[in-house]
Protein backbone atom coordinates (compact mmCIF):
# COMPACT_ATOMS: atom_id res chain seq x y z
CA MET A 1 87.29 98.49 72.81
CA HIS A 2 88.78 101.97 73.91
CA GLY A 3 85.99 102.40 76.60
CA HIS A 4 86.76 99.05 77.96
CA TRP A 5 90.48 99.99 78.64
CA MET A 6 89.20 103.36 79.97
CA GLY A 7 87.19 101.42 82.43
CA VAL A 8 90.06 99.29 83.47
CA PHE A 9 92.38 102.21 83.88
CA MET A 10 89.90 104.09 86.04
CA SER A 11 89.44 100.89 88.22
CA LEU A 12 93.12 100.57 88.72
CA SER A 13 93.45 104.34 89.46
CA ASP A 14 90.66 104.09 92.19
CA ARG A 15 92.32 101.12 93.64
CA TRP A 16 95.75 102.63 93.75
CA GLY A 17 94.36 105.77 95.23
CA ARG A 18 92.69 103.71 97.89
CA PHE A 19 95.82 102.00 98.71
CA LEU A 20 97.69 105.32 99.12
CA SER A 21 94.97 106.68 101.35
CA SER A 22 95.28 103.54 103.56
CA GLN A 23 99.14 103.93 103.79
CA PRO A 24 99.63 107.54 105.17
CA LYS A 25 103.46 106.86 105.80
CA LEU A 26 103.95 106.19 102.04
CA ALA A 27 101.69 109.00 100.99
CA CYS A 28 103.25 111.80 103.35
CA THR A 29 106.91 110.75 102.79
CA PRO A 30 108.15 110.62 99.18
CA PRO A 31 111.38 108.37 98.74
CA LYS A 32 113.38 111.35 97.72
CA GLU A 33 112.65 113.42 100.84
CA GLY A 34 112.51 110.95 103.70
CA GLY A 35 114.37 107.99 102.31
CA VAL A 36 118.29 108.09 101.69
CA PRO A 37 120.39 110.32 103.94
CA THR A 38 122.52 112.88 101.94
């Protein structure tokens, strides 16, 4: 059972990593740096 959830987590992590790599703007500009003006 634990191994199943580990596989699910790894799959989600891989998908999230691919999503970030396909969105360079989101990956290169964190909200607290490039978002709200001070």
